[in-house]
């Protein structure tokens, strides 16, 4: 038996239960992994609250982790016991001290801090696809990033800056504004003190931005559309404040706008493309091109508190859960 977080009903952080679970031995094509660092992402909240459908209840949350291979099933040739691996995929289950993982969802890591990888991989991949695939950011583009001090926002601002964009970020506090500046924002808007639509218009001399990367959703959606220049792109990749109201196509026609709601889960990237993107993220982290902010760690048993703090916008940068038995 190992300890894990299990969910028996949808709801608030209180539905995250800490209990014993049986995980068994790996079957053909599987490995058993002892997790060392578990990434926390807003998608975990979306599943817990029912924004996204979970495949079954009860379930163990979590989409990514770093751990050590402790057992190998038949047919697994490219991994060995003792390997440190990053693992992710469509199946949940990482909020657990140990778990069974499909071998083809695991990637052997170079010598890099597990906390950093668990903080950076899913968020870094999201940032990479946002600026390189779902909208191609180029030199001179004006970019608006909401939640610029968040886990994805921090990396997204840095990556857009690396590509030569003029980056405008919105944040809630002066402390987060300082972080956003360090992460490559040329202009930072404190949205609780000033109207971000008005400030964007002032910053861009009334022209608007080429693209808005919006993970906030309901509270910012209409304002984000108003910030766009003609033929601008609205990239909605999250809804931390709630799902936006439906948008009539006529609202986009006023400035010939483009609207997309991408997701790594549904984009169908081939395995080779995903592995190349993962390598790009790790290379940028290793070289220092991307600063990874592991700002918050919680014991795995306190996952409910981590969720509450993230949903309450009390955190910045990344959140990582550490299995209680792991030495910190």
Protein backbone atom coordinates (compact mmCIF):
# COMPACT_ATOMS: atom_id res chain seq x y z
CA UNK A 1 0.00 0.00 0.00
CA UNK A 2 1.08 3.57 -0.69
CA UNK A 3 -0.39 6.94 0.17
CA UNK A 4 -2.23 8.96 -2.47
CA UNK A 5 -4.85 11.65 -2.98
CA UNK A 6 -8.19 10.27 -4.15
CA UNK A 7 -11.36 12.07 -5.27
CA UNK A 8 -14.79 10.50 -4.74
CA UNK A 9 -16.94 13.47 -5.78
CA UNK A 10 -16.50 16.71 -7.68
CA UNK A 11 -16.22 19.90 -5.66
CA UNK A 12 -13.85 22.16 -3.77
CA UNK A 13 -10.39 21.35 -2.39
CA UNK A 14 -11.99 19.44 0.48
CA UNK A 15 -12.82 16.53 -1.87
CA UNK A 16 -9.10 15.69 -2.10
CA UNK A 17 -8.76 12.75 0.32
CA UNK A 18 -5.43 11.42 1.67
CA UNK A 19 -5.59 7.63 1.95
CA UNK A 20 -3.95 4.27 1.34
CA UNK A 21 -4.16 2.77 -2.15
CA UNK A 22 -2.99 -0.49 -3.71
CA UNK A 23 -1.16 -0.09 -7.01
CA UNK A 24 0.13 -3.60 -7.81
CA UNK A 25 2.95 -4.59 -10.14
CA UNK A 26 3.63 -3.31 -13.66
CA UNK A 27 2.18 -5.32 -16.55
CA UNK A 28 3.46 -5.57 -20.10
CA UNK A 29 4.62 -2.18 -21.36
CA UNK A 30 4.38 -0.61 -17.90
CA UNK A 31 6.77 0.59 -15.20
CA UNK A 32 6.37 1.36 -11.52
CA UNK A 33 7.62 4.78 -10.45
CA UNK A 34 8.32 6.20 -6.99
CA UNK A 35 7.46 9.87 -7.37
CA UNK A 36 9.87 12.53 -6.07
CA UNK A 37 8.18 15.73 -7.31
CA UNK A 38 4.63 16.19 -8.61
CA UNK A 39 3.58 19.12 -10.77
CA UNK A 40 0.39 21.00 -9.91
CA UNK A 41 -1.47 22.56 -12.83
CA UNK A 42 -4.75 24.43 -13.18
CA UNK A 43 -6.09 21.54 -15.24
CA UNK A 44 -6.10 19.54 -11.98
CA UNK A 45 -8.65 22.02 -10.64
CA UNK A 46 -10.67 21.88 -13.86
CA UNK A 47 -11.04 18.11 -13.46
CA UNK A 48 -11.79 18.34 -9.74
CA UNK A 49 -14.55 20.90 -10.25
CA UNK A 50 -16.10 19.30 -13.34
CA UNK A 51 -15.02 21.88 -15.93
CA UNK A 52 -13.39 18.92 -17.69
CA UNK A 53 -14.89 15.43 -17.55
CA UNK A 54 -12.98 12.83 -15.56
CA UNK A 55 -12.97 9.32 -17.06
CA UNK A 56 -14.21 7.73 -13.83
CA UNK A 57 -14.82 8.40 -10.13
CA UNK A 58 -13.09 7.79 -7.78
CA UNK A 59 -9.84 8.91 -9.35
CA UNK A 60 -6.33 10.01 -8.38
CA UNK A 61 -5.55 13.51 -9.75
CA UNK A 62 -2.37 14.77 -11.34
CA UNK A 63 -0.98 14.94 -14.85
CA UNK A 64 2.82 14.99 -14.42
CA UNK A 65 5.59 13.97 -12.06
CA UNK A 66 9.26 13.09 -11.79
CA UNK A 67 10.28 9.87 -10.10
CA UNK A 68 12.54 6.85 -9.97
CA UNK A 69 11.76 3.59 -11.77
CA UNK A 70 11.40 0.82 -9.19
CA UNK A 71 10.02 -2.04 -11.30
CA UNK A 72 9.65 -2.88 -14.98
CA UNK A 73 7.02 -4.94 -16.78
CA UNK A 74 7.66 -7.27 -19.69
CA UNK A 75 8.44 -5.76 -23.08
CA UNK A 76 10.08 -2.61 -21.71
CA UNK A 77 13.54 -2.30 -23.24
CA UNK A 78 14.56 1.36 -23.08
CA UNK A 79 14.16 1.91 -19.34
CA UNK A 80 15.81 0.32 -16.32
CA UNK A 81 15.35 0.25 -12.56
CA UNK A 82 16.93 3.35 -11.04
CA UNK A 83 16.27 5.64 -14.00
CA UNK A 84 14.97 9.10 -13.09
CA UNK A 85 12.07 9.82 -15.41
CA UNK A 86 9.53 12.50 -16.20
CA UNK A 87 6.13 10.99 -16.90
CA UNK A 88 2.91 12.44 -18.18
CA UNK A 89 0.11 11.69 -20.59
CA UNK A 90 -3.63 11.55 -20.98
CA UNK A 91 -4.15 9.39 -17.88
CA UNK A 92 -4.19 11.02 -14.45
CA UNK A 93 -2.77 9.57 -11.26
CA UNK A 94 0.40 11.43 -10.25
CA UNK A 95 -0.86 12.58 -6.82
CA UNK A 96 0.53 9.36 -5.40
CA UNK A 97 3.72 8.25 -3.64
CA UNK A 98 4.10 5.51 -6.26
CA UNK A 99 2.18 4.62 -9.41
CA UNK A 100 2.06 2.44 -12.49
CA UNK A 101 2.97 4.32 -15.68
CA UNK A 102 2.92 3.37 -19.36
CA UNK A 103 6.57 3.08 -20.37
CA UNK A 104 6.07 5.10 -23.55
CA UNK A 105 4.83 8.03 -21.41
CA UNK A 106 8.11 8.19 -19.47
CA UNK A 107 11.24 10.08 -20.50
CA UNK A 108 14.66 9.54 -18.93
CA UNK A 109 15.99 12.84 -17.61
CA UNK A 110 19.46 14.34 -17.69
CA UNK A 111 21.05 15.45 -14.42
CA UNK A 112 18.52 18.14 -13.48
CA UNK A 113 16.62 18.90 -10.27
CA UNK A 114 13.32 16.94 -10.21
CA UNK A 115 11.61 19.96 -8.62
CA UNK A 116 12.57 22.10 -11.59
CA UNK A 117 11.34 19.57 -14.14
CA UNK A 118 8.04 19.02 -12.33
CA UNK A 119 7.63 22.81 -12.24
CA UNK A 120 8.60 23.52 -15.81
CA UNK A 121 7.64 20.72 -18.17
CA UNK A 122 3.87 20.93 -18.69
CA UNK A 123 3.87 24.70 -18.23
CA UNK A 124 6.91 25.10 -20.47
CA UNK A 125 5.35 22.93 -23.17
CA UNK A 126 2.19 25.04 -23.00
CA UNK A 127 4.24 28.22 -23.38
CA UNK A 128 6.24 26.73 -26.22
CA UNK A 129 3.17 25.71 -28.21
CA UNK A 130 1.44 29.03 -27.47
CA UNK A 131 4.25 31.11 -28.99
CA UNK A 132 5.41 28.65 -31.63
CA UNK A 133 2.39 26.70 -32.89
CA UNK A 134 -1.00 28.04 -31.83
CA UNK A 135 0.23 31.55 -32.65
CA UNK A 136 3.71 32.18 -34.04
CA UNK A 137 5.19 35.07 -32.10
CA UNK A 138 7.70 37.06 -34.13
CA UNK A 139 10.05 40.01 -33.66
CA UNK A 140 8.10 43.18 -32.95
CA UNK A 141 4.77 41.55 -32.14
CA UNK A 142 2.84 43.20 -29.31
CA UNK A 143 1.72 40.48 -26.91
CA UNK A 144 -0.65 40.66 -23.93
CA UNK A 145 -0.25 37.94 -21.29
CA UNK A 146 -2.80 37.67 -18.49
CA UNK A 147 -1.67 36.15 -15.16
CA UNK A 148 1.89 37.03 -16.14
CA UNK A 149 3.31 35.88 -12.79
CA UNK A 150 1.59 32.48 -12.85
CA UNK A 151 3.21 29.15 -13.62
CA UNK A 152 2.59 29.29 -17.37
CA UNK A 153 2.54 33.09 -17.52
CA UNK A 154 6.06 33.39 -16.12
CA UNK A 155 7.52 31.07 -18.77
CA UNK A 156 5.30 32.48 -21.51
CA UNK A 157 6.53 36.04 -20.92
CA UNK A 158 10.14 34.87 -20.99
CA UNK A 159 9.66 32.88 -24.19
CA UNK A 160 7.82 35.70 -25.99
CA UNK A 161 10.57 38.10 -24.95
CA UNK A 162 13.22 35.72 -26.32
CA UNK A 163 11.42 35.81 -29.66
CA UNK A 164 11.61 39.59 -29.76
CA UNK A 165 8.04 40.47 -28.81
CA UNK A 166 6.96 43.54 -26.86
CA UNK A 167 5.38 41.86 -23.84
CA UNK A 168 2.57 43.39 -21.76
CA UNK A 169 1.55 41.46 -18.65
CA UNK A 170 -1.29 41.76 -16.17
CA UNK A 171 -0.85 40.86 -12.49
CA UNK A 172 -2.72 41.39 -9.22
CA UNK A 173 -0.02 42.70 -6.84
CA UNK A 174 3.11 44.85 -6.84
CA UNK A 175 5.16 41.82 -5.78
CA UNK A 176 3.95 39.91 -8.82
CA UNK A 177 4.64 42.97 -10.98
CA UNK A 178 8.30 42.85 -9.97
CA UNK A 179 8.47 39.18 -10.94
CA UNK A 180 6.79 39.83 -14.28
CA UNK A 181 9.33 42.55 -15.04
CA UNK A 182 12.17 40.14 -14.27
CA UNK A 183 10.50 37.58 -16.54
CA UNK A 184 10.58 39.82 -19.59
CA UNK A 185 7.49 42.02 -19.44
CA UNK A 186 8.20 45.44 -20.93
CA UNK A 187 4.98 46.78 -19.45
CA UNK A 188 3.12 45.48 -16.38
CA UNK A 189 -0.50 46.34 -15.57
CA UNK A 190 -1.87 46.01 -12.04
CA UNK A 191 -5.39 45.05 -13.02
CA UNK A 192 -6.84 45.74 -9.55
CA UNK A 193 -5.67 49.36 -9.73
CA UNK A 194 -6.10 50.23 -13.41
CA UNK A 195 -8.25 49.18 -16.35
CA UNK A 196 -6.15 46.88 -18.50
CA UNK A 197 -8.05 47.74 -21.71
CA UNK A 198 -7.32 51.44 -21.26
CA UNK A 199 -3.66 50.80 -20.39
CA UNK A 200 -3.12 48.53 -23.40
CA UNK A 201 -4.58 51.20 -25.64
CA UNK A 202 -2.22 53.77 -24.13
CA UNK A 203 0.82 51.50 -24.41
CA UNK A 204 0.08 50.66 -28.07
CA UNK A 205 -0.98 54.21 -29.02
CA UNK A 206 -4.49 52.97 -29.71
CA UNK A 207 -3.41 50.26 -32.16
CA UNK A 208 -3.95 47.22 -29.93
CA UNK A 209 -1.93 44.03 -29.61
CA UNK A 210 -1.28 41.29 -32.14
CA UNK A 211 -2.25 38.51 -29.74
CA UNK A 212 -3.73 38.00 -26.28
CA UNK A 213 -2.81 34.88 -24.32
CA UNK A 214 -5.68 34.55 -21.85
CA UNK A 215 -5.78 31.86 -19.15
CA UNK A 216 -8.18 33.77 -16.89
CA UNK A 217 -11.37 33.40 -18.91
CA UNK A 218 -14.61 34.97 -17.74
CA UNK A 219 -13.20 38.04 -15.98
CA UNK A 220 -10.91 39.09 -18.84
CA UNK A 221 -12.41 37.65 -22.02
CA UNK A 222 -14.37 40.63 -23.35
CA UNK A 223 -11.61 43.03 -22.38
CA UNK A 224 -9.08 40.85 -24.14
CA UNK A 225 -11.07 41.06 -27.39
CA UNK A 226 -11.16 44.85 -27.00
CA UNK A 227 -7.34 44.93 -26.70
CA UNK A 228 -6.74 43.30 -30.07
CA UNK A 229 -5.74 45.13 -33.22
CA UNK A 230 -7.49 44.41 -36.51
CA UNK A 231 -6.93 40.77 -37.51
CA UNK A 232 -5.57 40.09 -34.03
CA UNK A 233 -5.56 36.68 -32.38
CA UNK A 234 -7.35 35.79 -29.15
CA UNK A 235 -5.77 32.65 -27.70
CA UNK A 236 -7.89 31.45 -24.78
CA UNK A 237 -6.04 28.61 -23.06
CA UNK A 238 -7.68 28.54 -19.62
CA UNK A 239 -10.54 29.79 -17.48
CA UNK A 240 -9.30 30.24 -13.92
CA UNK A 241 -12.07 32.78 -13.21
CA UNK A 242 -14.78 30.72 -14.88
CA UNK A 243 -15.95 29.86 -18.38
CA UNK A 244 -16.53 32.91 -20.60
CA UNK A 245 -19.99 33.66 -21.96
CA UNK A 246 -20.62 32.49 -25.55
CA UNK A 247 -19.34 34.90 -28.19
CA UNK A 248 -21.42 35.61 -31.32
CA UNK A 249 -19.38 35.45 -34.52
CA UNK A 250 -20.48 38.99 -35.27
CA UNK A 251 -18.39 40.17 -32.29
CA UNK A 252 -15.28 38.90 -34.06
CA UNK A 253 -16.27 40.42 -37.38
CA UNK A 254 -16.00 44.00 -36.10
CA UNK A 255 -12.19 43.81 -36.35
CA UNK A 256 -11.84 40.55 -38.35
CA UNK A 257 -10.51 38.81 -35.23
CA UNK A 258 -9.34 35.23 -34.84
CA UNK A 259 -10.31 33.14 -31.79
CA UNK A 260 -8.87 29.79 -30.75
CA UNK A 261 -9.08 27.55 -27.66
CA UNK A 262 -6.10 25.18 -27.91
CA UNK A 263 -5.12 22.37 -25.57
CA UNK A 264 -2.20 19.98 -25.56
CA UNK A 265 -4.60 17.17 -24.62
CA UNK A 266 -6.57 17.52 -27.85
CA UNK A 267 -3.99 18.86 -30.33
CA UNK A 268 -2.87 15.36 -31.30
CA UNK A 269 0.83 16.14 -31.48
CA UNK A 270 2.83 13.08 -32.65
CA UNK A 271 5.12 11.49 -30.07
CA UNK A 272 8.26 12.61 -31.92
CA UNK A 273 7.07 16.22 -31.98
CA UNK A 274 6.23 16.12 -28.27
CA UNK A 275 9.62 14.64 -27.37
CA UNK A 276 11.38 17.31 -29.42
CA UNK A 277 9.36 20.02 -27.67
CA UNK A 278 10.19 18.49 -24.28
CA UNK A 279 13.88 18.51 -25.15
CA UNK A 280 13.57 22.17 -26.18
CA UNK A 281 12.04 23.05 -22.82
CA UNK A 282 14.77 21.18 -20.91
CA UNK A 283 17.53 22.75 -23.03
CA UNK A 284 16.19 26.24 -22.37
CA UNK A 285 15.95 25.52 -18.64
CA UNK A 286 19.44 23.99 -18.49
CA UNK A 287 20.99 26.92 -20.38
CA UNK A 288 19.30 29.48 -18.16
CA UNK A 289 17.29 30.93 -21.04
CA UNK A 290 14.17 30.10 -19.04
CA UNK A 291 14.06 30.92 -15.34
CA UNK A 292 11.93 28.37 -13.49
CA UNK A 293 10.29 29.73 -10.36
CA UNK A 294 9.63 26.89 -7.90
CA UNK A 295 7.92 29.34 -5.58
CA UNK A 296 5.75 26.93 -3.60
CA UNK A 297 6.18 23.36 -2.38
CA UNK A 298 3.63 21.42 -0.32
CA UNK A 299 3.64 17.91 1.14
CA UNK A 300 1.51 15.65 -1.03
CA UNK A 301 -0.84 15.15 1.90
CA UNK A 302 -1.60 18.90 1.75
CA UNK A 303 -2.70 18.93 -1.89
CA UNK A 304 -6.04 20.46 -0.85
CA UNK A 305 -4.24 23.51 0.56
CA UNK A 306 -2.16 23.82 -2.60
CA UNK A 307 -5.34 23.82 -4.71
CA UNK A 308 -7.01 26.38 -2.45
CA UNK A 309 -4.01 28.71 -2.60
CA UNK A 310 -3.67 28.44 -6.38
CA UNK A 311 -7.39 29.01 -6.99
CA UNK A 312 -7.30 31.95 -4.57
CA UNK A 313 -4.45 33.56 -6.55
CA UNK A 314 -2.21 33.44 -3.49
CA UNK A 315 0.64 31.85 -5.43
CA UNK A 316 3.06 32.88 -8.16
CA UNK A 317 5.31 30.80 -10.35
CA UNK A 318 4.98 27.02 -9.98
CA UNK A 319 3.60 24.71 -7.29
CA UNK A 320 5.10 21.28 -6.61
CA UNK A 321 3.85 18.53 -4.31
CA UNK A 322 6.48 16.46 -2.50
CA UNK A 323 5.54 12.95 -1.33
CA UNK A 324 5.63 13.05 2.45
CA UNK A 325 8.25 10.30 2.66
CA UNK A 326 10.69 12.14 0.36
CA UNK A 327 13.48 14.07 2.09
CA UNK A 328 13.44 17.76 1.14
